[in-house]
PDB file of N, CA and C in Angstrom:
ATOM      1  N   MET A   1     100.418 134.328 115.641  1.00  0.00           N
ATOM      2  CA  MET A   1     101.246 134.754 114.518  1.00  0.00           C
ATOM      3  C   MET A   1     101.863 133.534 113.825  1.00  0.00           C
ATOM      4  N   ILE A   2     102.439 132.644 114.613  1.00  0.00           N
ATOM      5  CA  ILE A   2     103.066 131.452 114.032  1.00  0.00           C
ATOM      6  C   ILE A   2     102.006 130.552 113.409  1.00  0.00           C
ATOM      7  N   GLU A   3     100.836 130.442 114.064  1.00  0.00           N
ATOM      8  CA  GLU A   3      99.767 129.605 113.525  1.00  0.00           C
ATOM      9  C   GLU A   3      99.260 130.138 112.195  1.00  0.00           C
ATOM     10  N   SER A   4      99.145 131.455 112.062  1.00  0.00           N
ATOM     11  CA  SER A   4      98.660 132.021 110.807  1.00  0.00           C
ATOM     12  C   SER A   4      99.678 131.819 109.692  1.00  0.00           C
ATOM     13  N   ALA A   5     100.967 131.882 110.020  1.00  0.00           N
ATOM     14  CA  ALA A   5     102.008 131.632 109.016  1.00  0.00           C
ATOM     15  C   ALA A   5     101.964 130.179 108.558  1.00  0.00           C
ATOM     16  N   ALA A   6     101.739 129.266 109.488  1.00  0.00           N
ATOM     17  CA  ALA A   6     101.647 127.844 109.133  1.00  0.00           C
ATOM     18  C   ALA A   6     100.418 127.587 108.274  1.00  0.00           C
ATOM     19  N   ALA A   7      99.307 128.231 108.592  1.00  0.00           N
ATOM     20  CA  ALA A   7      98.088 128.067 107.794  1.00  0.00           C
ATOM     21  C   ALA A   7      98.288 128.624 106.394  1.00  0.00           C
ATOM     22  N   GLU A   8      98.983 129.748 106.287  1.00  0.00           N
ATOM     23  CA  GLU A   8      99.261 130.333 104.975  1.00  0.00           C
ATOM     24  C   GLU A   8     100.162 129.420 104.151  1.00  0.00           C
ATOM     25  N   ASP A   9     101.159 128.809 104.788  1.00  0.00           N
ATOM     26  CA  ASP A   9     102.038 127.875 104.080  1.00  0.00           C
ATOM     27  C   ASP A   9     101.256 126.676 103.552  1.00  0.00           C
ATOM     28  N   ARG A  10     100.333 126.156 104.370  1.00  0.00           N
ATOM     29  CA  ARG A  10      99.514 125.021 103.922  1.00  0.00           C
ATOM     30  C   ARG A  10      98.637 125.428 102.752  1.00  0.00           C
ATOM     31  N   GLN A  11      98.090 126.638 102.813  1.00  0.00           N
ATOM     32  CA  GLN A  11      97.234 127.109 101.730  1.00  0.00           C
ATOM     33  C   GLN A  11      98.035 127.267 100.446  1.00  0.00           C
ATOM     34  N   GLN A  12      99.242 127.796 100.524  1.00  0.00           N
ATOM     35  CA  GLN A  12     100.071 127.980  99.339  1.00  0.00           C
ATOM     36  C   GLN A  12     100.524 126.645  98.764  1.00  0.00           C
ATOM     37  N   ALA A  13     100.651 125.629  99.587  1.00  0.00           N
ATOM     38  CA  ALA A  13     101.101 124.317  99.127  1.00  0.00           C
ATOM     39  C   ALA A  13      99.934 123.436  98.700  1.00  0.00           C
ATOM     40  N   ALA A  14      98.747 123.989  98.735  1.00  0.00           N
ATOM     41  CA  ALA A  14      97.542 123.214  98.452  1.00  0.00           C
ATOM     42  C   ALA A  14      97.527 122.681  97.030  1.00  0.00           C
ATOM     43  N   LEU A  15      96.858 121.572  96.875  1.00  0.00           N
ATOM     44  CA  LEU A  15      96.610 121.001  95.561  1.00  0.00           C
ATOM     45  C   LEU A  15      95.207 121.396  95.136  1.00  0.00           C
ATOM     46  N   LEU A  16      95.074 121.841  93.905  1.00  0.00           N
ATOM     47  CA  LEU A  16      93.792 122.291  93.377  1.00  0.00           C
ATOM     48  C   LEU A  16      93.148 121.199  92.541  1.00  0.00           C
ATOM     49  N   ASP A  17      91.840 121.023  92.717  1.00  0.00           N
ATOM     50  CA  ASP A  17      91.139 120.086  91.847  1.00  0.00           C
ATOM     51  C   ASP A  17      90.766 120.802  90.553  1.00  0.00           C
ATOM     52  N   VAL A  18      90.212 120.072  89.621  1.00  0.00           N
ATOM     53  CA  VAL A  18      89.923 120.628  88.296  1.00  0.00           C
ATOM     54  C   VAL A  18      88.919 121.778  88.374  1.00  0.00           C
ATOM     55  N   HIS A  19      88.001 121.718  89.331  1.00  0.00           N
ATOM     56  CA  HIS A  19      87.010 122.787  89.456  1.00  0.00           C
ATOM     57  C   HIS A  19      87.668 124.090  89.916  1.00  0.00           C
ATOM     58  N   ALA A  20      88.620 124.000  90.836  1.00  0.00           N
ATOM     59  CA  ALA A  20      89.326 125.196  91.302  1.00  0.00           C
ATOM     60  C   ALA A  20      90.189 125.795  90.198  1.00  0.00           C
ATOM     61  N   VAL A  21      90.849 124.936  89.414  1.00  0.00           N
ATOM     62  CA  VAL A  21      91.672 125.426  88.301  1.00  0.00           C
ATOM     63  C   VAL A  21      90.770 126.079  87.250  1.00  0.00           C
ATOM     64  N   ALA A  22      89.648 125.466  86.954  1.00  0.00           N
ATOM     65  CA  ALA A  22      88.715 126.036  85.980  1.00  0.00           C
ATOM     66  C   ALA A  22      88.211 127.398  86.450  1.00  0.00           C
ATOM     67  N   ALA A  23      87.976 127.538  87.743  1.00  0.00           N
ATOM     68  CA  ALA A  23      87.530 128.827  88.277  1.00  0.00           C
ATOM     69  C   ALA A  23      88.634 129.877  88.130  1.00  0.00           C
ATOM     70  N   LEU A  24      89.886 129.494  88.381  1.00  0.00           N
ATOM     71  CA  LEU A  24      91.001 130.435  88.213  1.00  0.00           C
ATOM     72  C   LEU A  24      91.138 130.883  86.761  1.00  0.00           C
ATOM     73  N   LEU A  25      90.887 129.965  85.840  1.00  0.00           N
ATOM     74  CA  LEU A  25      91.058 130.263  84.420  1.00  0.00           C
ATOM     75  C   LEU A  25      89.780 130.784  83.758  1.00  0.00           C
ATOM     76  N   SER A  26      88.687 130.774  84.474  1.00  0.00           N
ATOM     77  CA  SER A  26      87.375 131.166  83.934  1.00  0.00           C
ATOM     78  C   SER A  26      87.030 130.354  82.687  1.00  0.00           C
ATOM     79  N   CYS A  27      87.129 129.041  82.829  1.00  0.00           N
ATOM     80  CA  CYS A  27      86.807 128.146  81.722  1.00  0.00           C
ATOM     81  C   CYS A  27      86.141 126.896  82.274  1.00  0.00           C
ATOM     82  N   SER A  28      85.815 125.972  81.396  1.00  0.00           N
ATOM     83  CA  SER A  28      85.181 124.730  81.823  1.00  0.00           C
ATOM     84  C   SER A  28      86.226 123.735  82.326  1.00  0.00           C
ATOM     85  N   THR A  29      85.745 122.753  83.060  1.00  0.00           N
ATOM     86  CA  THR A  29      86.656 121.710  83.539  1.00  0.00           C
ATOM     87  C   THR A  29      87.218 120.912  82.362  1.00  0.00           C
ATOM     88  N   ARG A  30      86.398 120.702  81.348  1.00  0.00           N
ATOM     89  CA  ARG A  30      86.866 119.967  80.165  1.00  0.00           C
ATOM     90  C   ARG A  30      88.013 120.703  79.488  1.00  0.00           C
ATOM     91  N   HIS A  31      87.934 122.022  79.445  1.00  0.00           N
ATOM     92  CA  HIS A  31      88.998 122.812  78.823  1.00  0.00           C
ATOM     93  C   HIS A  31      90.293 122.695  79.624  1.00  0.00           C
ATOM     94  N   VAL A  32      90.193 122.614  80.939  1.00  0.00           N
ATOM     95  CA  VAL A  32      91.388 122.427  81.774  1.00  0.00           C
ATOM     96  C   VAL A  32      92.069 121.111  81.394  1.00  0.00           C
ATOM     97  N   TYR A  33      91.286 120.053  81.263  1.00  0.00           N
ATOM     98  CA  TYR A  33      91.861 118.764  80.867  1.00  0.00           C
ATOM     99  C   TYR A  33      92.477 118.838  79.468  1.00  0.00           C
ATOM    100  N   ARG A  34      91.833 119.549  78.565  1.00  0.00           N
ATOM    101  CA  ARG A  34      92.397 119.701  77.206  1.00  0.00           C
ATOM    102  C   ARG A  34      93.731 120.431  77.249  1.00  0.00           C
ATOM    103  N   LEU A  35      93.809 121.510  78.034  1.00  0.00           N
ATOM    104  CA  LEU A  35      95.066 122.264  78.164  1.00  0.00           C
ATOM    105  C   LEU A  35      96.173 121.379  78.732  1.00  0.00           C
ATOM    106  N   ALA A  36      95.851 120.622  79.763  1.00  0.00           N
ATOM    107  CA  ALA A  36      96.840 119.751  80.386  1.00  0.00           C
ATOM    108  C   ALA A  36      97.286 118.648  79.426  1.00  0.00           C
ATOM    109  N   ASP A  37      96.341 118.041  78.714  1.00  0.00           N
ATOM    110  CA  ASP A  37      96.675 116.970  77.767  1.00  0.00           C
ATOM    111  C   ASP A  37      97.535 117.478  76.617  1.00  0.00           C
ATOM    112  N   ALA A  38      97.331 118.732  76.226  1.00  0.00           N
ATOM    113  CA  ALA A  38      98.089 119.307  75.114  1.00  0.00           C
ATOM    114  C   ALA A  38      99.442 119.873  75.558  1.00  0.00           C
ATOM    115  N   GLY A  39      99.718 119.858  76.861  1.00  0.00           N
ATOM    116  CA  GLY A  39     100.983 120.401  77.346  1.00  0.00           C
ATOM    117  C   GLY A  39     101.000 121.920  77.380  1.00  0.00           C
ATOM    118  N   ARG A  40      99.828 122.517  77.418  1.00  0.00           N
ATOM    119  CA  ARG A  40      99.732 123.976  77.406  1.00  0.00           C
ATOM    120  C   ARG A  40      99.649 124.567  78.807  1.00  0.00           C
ATOM    121  N   MET A  41      99.630 123.703  79.831  1.00  0.00           N
ATOM    122  CA  MET A  41      99.625 124.161  81.222  1.00  0.00           C
ATOM    123  C   MET A  41     100.403 123.150  82.049  1.00  0.00           C
ATOM    124  N   PRO A  42     100.740 123.483  83.275  1.00  0.00           N
ATOM    125  CA  PRO A  42     101.490 122.532  84.103  1.00  0.00           C
ATOM    126  C   PRO A  42     100.743 121.204  84.223  1.00  0.00           C
ATOM    127  N   PRO A  43     101.481 120.116  84.220  1.00  0.00           N
ATOM    128  CA  PRO A  43     100.825 118.807  84.320  1.00  0.00           C
ATOM    129  C   PRO A  43     100.264 118.586  85.727  1.00  0.00           C
ATOM    130  N   PRO A  44      99.196 117.809  85.827  1.00  0.00           N
ATOM    131  CA  PRO A  44      98.630 117.520  87.144  1.00  0.00           C
ATOM    132  C   PRO A  44      99.443 116.458  87.868  1.00  0.00           C
ATOM    133  N   VAL A  45      99.208 116.385  89.161  1.00  0.00           N
ATOM    134  CA  VAL A  45      99.759 115.323  89.996  1.00  0.00           C
ATOM    135  C   VAL A  45      98.648 114.294  90.128  1.00  0.00           C
ATOM    136  N   LYS A  46      98.970 113.054  89.877  1.00  0.00           N
ATOM    137  CA  LYS A  46      97.959 112.006  89.968  1.00  0.00           C
ATOM    138  C   LYS A  46      98.186 111.206  91.248  1.00  0.00           C
ATOM    139  N   LEU A  47      97.152 111.170  92.075  1.00  0.00           N
ATOM    140  CA  LEU A  47      97.178 110.448  93.343  1.00  0.00           C
ATOM    141  C   LEU A  47      96.106 109.373  93.288  1.00  0.00           C
ATOM    142  N   GLY A  48      96.481 108.208  92.781  1.00  0.00           N
ATOM    143  CA  GLY A  48      95.488 107.178  92.551  1.00  0.00           C
ATOM    144  C   GLY A  48      94.535 107.648  91.460  1.00  0.00           C
ATOM    145  N   ALA A  49      93.254 107.720  91.795  1.00  0.00           N
ATOM    146  CA  ALA A  49      92.262 108.181  90.831  1.00  0.00           C
ATOM    147  C   ALA A  49      92.100 109.702  90.848  1.00  0.00           C
ATOM    148  N   LEU A  50      92.726 110.372  91.818  1.00  0.00           N
ATOM    149  CA  LEU A  50      92.598 111.827  91.935  1.00  0.00           C
ATOM    150  C   LEU A  50      93.576 112.539  91.013  1.00  0.00           C
ATOM    151  N   VAL A  51      93.147 113.655  90.466  1.00  0.00           N
ATOM    152  CA  VAL A  51      93.989 114.497  89.620  1.00  0.00           C
ATOM    153  C   VAL A  51      93.985 115.878  90.259  1.00  0.00           C
ATOM    154  N   ARG A  52      95.168 116.376  90.617  1.00  0.00           N
ATOM    155  CA  ARG A  52      95.281 117.671  91.281  1.00  0.00           C
ATOM    156  C   ARG A  52      96.434 118.462  90.678  1.00  0.00           C
ATOM    157  N   TRP A  53      96.336 119.787  90.761  1.00  0.00           N
ATOM    158  CA  TRP A  53      97.399 120.675  90.297  1.00  0.00           C
ATOM    159  C   TRP A  53      97.958 121.427  91.492  1.00  0.00           C
ATOM    160  N   PRO A  54      99.289 121.488  91.631  1.00  0.00           N
ATOM    161  CA  PRO A  54      99.863 122.294  92.707  1.00  0.00           C
ATOM    162  C   PRO A  54      99.517 123.770  92.486  1.00  0.00           C
ATOM    163  N   ARG A  55      98.995 124.411  93.525  1.00  0.00           N
ATOM    164  CA  ARG A  55      98.574 125.810  93.439  1.00  0.00           C
ATOM    165  C   ARG A  55      99.708 126.694  92.932  1.00  0.00           C
ATOM    166  N   ARG A  56     100.895 126.506  93.446  1.00  0.00           N
ATOM    167  CA  ARG A  56     102.023 127.365  93.059  1.00  0.00           C
ATOM    168  C   ARG A  56     102.365 127.233  91.584  1.00  0.00           C
ATOM    169  N   SER A  57     102.317 126.016  91.056  1.00  0.00           N
ATOM    170  CA  SER A  57     102.661 125.858  89.640  1.00  0.00           C
ATOM    171  C   SER A  57     101.623 126.530  88.744  1.00  0.00           C
ATOM    172  N   VAL A  58     100.353 126.460  89.124  1.00  0.00           N
ATOM    173  CA  VAL A  58      99.302 127.107  88.333  1.00  0.00           C
ATOM    174  C   VAL A  58      99.428 128.624  88.435  1.00  0.00           C
ATOM    175  N   GLU A  59      99.655 129.132  89.644  1.00  0.00           N
ATOM    176  CA  GLU A  59      99.787 130.583  89.819  1.00  0.00           C
ATOM    177  C   GLU A  59     101.028 131.121  89.102  1.00  0.00           C
ATOM    178  N   THR A  60     102.116 130.390  89.150  1.00  0.00           N
ATOM    179  CA  THR A  60     103.333 130.804  88.441  1.00  0.00           C
ATOM    180  C   THR A  60     103.092 130.808  86.939  1.00  0.00           C
ATOM    181  N   TRP A  61     102.431 129.771  86.446  1.00  0.00           N
ATOM    182  CA  TRP A  61     102.119 129.677  85.022  1.00  0.00           C
ATOM    183  C   TRP A  61     101.253 130.854  84.580  1.00  0.00           C
ATOM    184  N   LEU A  62     100.260 131.206  85.383  1.00  0.00           N
ATOM    185  CA  LEU A  62      99.408 132.353  85.071  1.00  0.00           C
ATOM    186  C   LEU A  62     100.204 133.656  85.085  1.00  0.00           C
ATOM    187  N   ALA A  63     101.073 133.824  86.080  1.00  0.00           N
ATOM    188  CA  ALA A  63     101.873 135.047  86.199  1.00  0.00           C
ATOM    189  C   ALA A  63     102.842 135.206  85.025  1.00  0.00           C
ATOM    190  N   GLU A  64     103.280 134.098  84.439  1.00  0.00           N
ATOM    191  CA  GLU A  64     104.203 134.138  83.308  1.00  0.00           C
ATOM    192  C   GLU A  64     103.485 134.319  81.975  1.00  0.00           C
ATOM    193  N   GLY A  65     102.179 134.454  82.010  1.00  0.00           N
ATOM    194  CA  GLY A  65     101.429 134.678  80.770  1.00  0.00           C
ATOM    195  C   GLY A  65     100.981 133.400  80.094  1.00  0.00           C
ATOM    196  N   CYS A  66     100.882 132.315  80.816  1.00  0.00           N
ATOM    197  CA  CYS A  66     100.385 131.028  80.299  1.00  0.00           C
ATOM    198  C   CYS A  66     101.205 130.489  79.119  1.00  0.00           C
ATOM    199  N   PRO A  67     102.531 130.358  79.293  1.00  0.00           N
ATOM    200  CA  PRO A  67     103.336 129.819  78.190  1.00  0.00           C
ATOM    201  C   PRO A  67     103.107 128.316  78.024  1.00  0.00           C
ATOM    202  N   PHE A  68     103.443 127.802  76.837  1.00  0.00           N
ATOM    203  CA  PHE A  68     103.409 126.355  76.625  1.00  0.00           C
ATOM    204  C   PHE A  68     104.370 125.719  77.622  1.00  0.00           C
ATOM    205  N   VAL A  69     103.981 124.592  78.176  1.00  0.00           N
ATOM    206  CA  VAL A  69     104.800 123.922  79.171  1.00  0.00           C
ATOM    207  C   VAL A  69     105.594 122.786  78.540  1.00  0.00           C
ATOM    208  N   ARG A  70     104.971 122.046  77.644  1.00  0.00           N
ATOM    209  CA  ARG A  70     105.626 120.893  77.034  1.00  0.00           C
ATOM    210  C   ARG A  70     106.755 121.366  76.141  1.00  0.00           C
ATOM    211  N   LYS A  71     107.915 120.791  76.323  1.00  0.00           N
ATOM    212  CA  LYS A  71     109.076 121.124  75.492  1.00  0.00           C
ATOM    213  C   LYS A  71     109.217 120.086  74.396  1.00  0.00           C
ATOM    214  N   GLY A  72     109.623 120.502  73.228  1.00  0.00           N
ATOM    215  CA  GLY A  72     109.797 119.584  72.120  1.00  0.00           C
ATOM    216  C   GLY A  72     108.481 119.325  71.411  1.00  0.00           C
ATOM    217  N   GLY A  73     108.506 118.418  70.479  1.00  0.00           N
ATOM    218  CA  GLY A  73     107.303 118.134  69.710  1.00  0.00           C
ATOM    219  C   GLY A  73     106.992 116.661  69.692  1.00  0.00           C
ATOM    220  N   ARG A  74     105.857 116.354  69.140  1.00  0.00           N
ATOM    221  CA  ARG A  74     105.481 114.951  69.015  1.00  0.00           C
ATOM    222  C   ARG A  74     105.656 114.516  67.595  1.00  0.00           C
TER     223      ARG A  74
END
């Protein structure tokens, strides 16, 4: 029981790569990068050369109806 709860916590805290995010959104990987660059989705976490999105931030963003994330204008 405790092991399954720990595994679930790790899964919820997982970082998603661009392919996993694209699968969640049913779009191309390029479109995911465009959304992130435009501030239309949660920003990725950059770990050296790796780009990942926290699962919770993407799921929360989807549950809220995909609102613009970037505040203010350029």
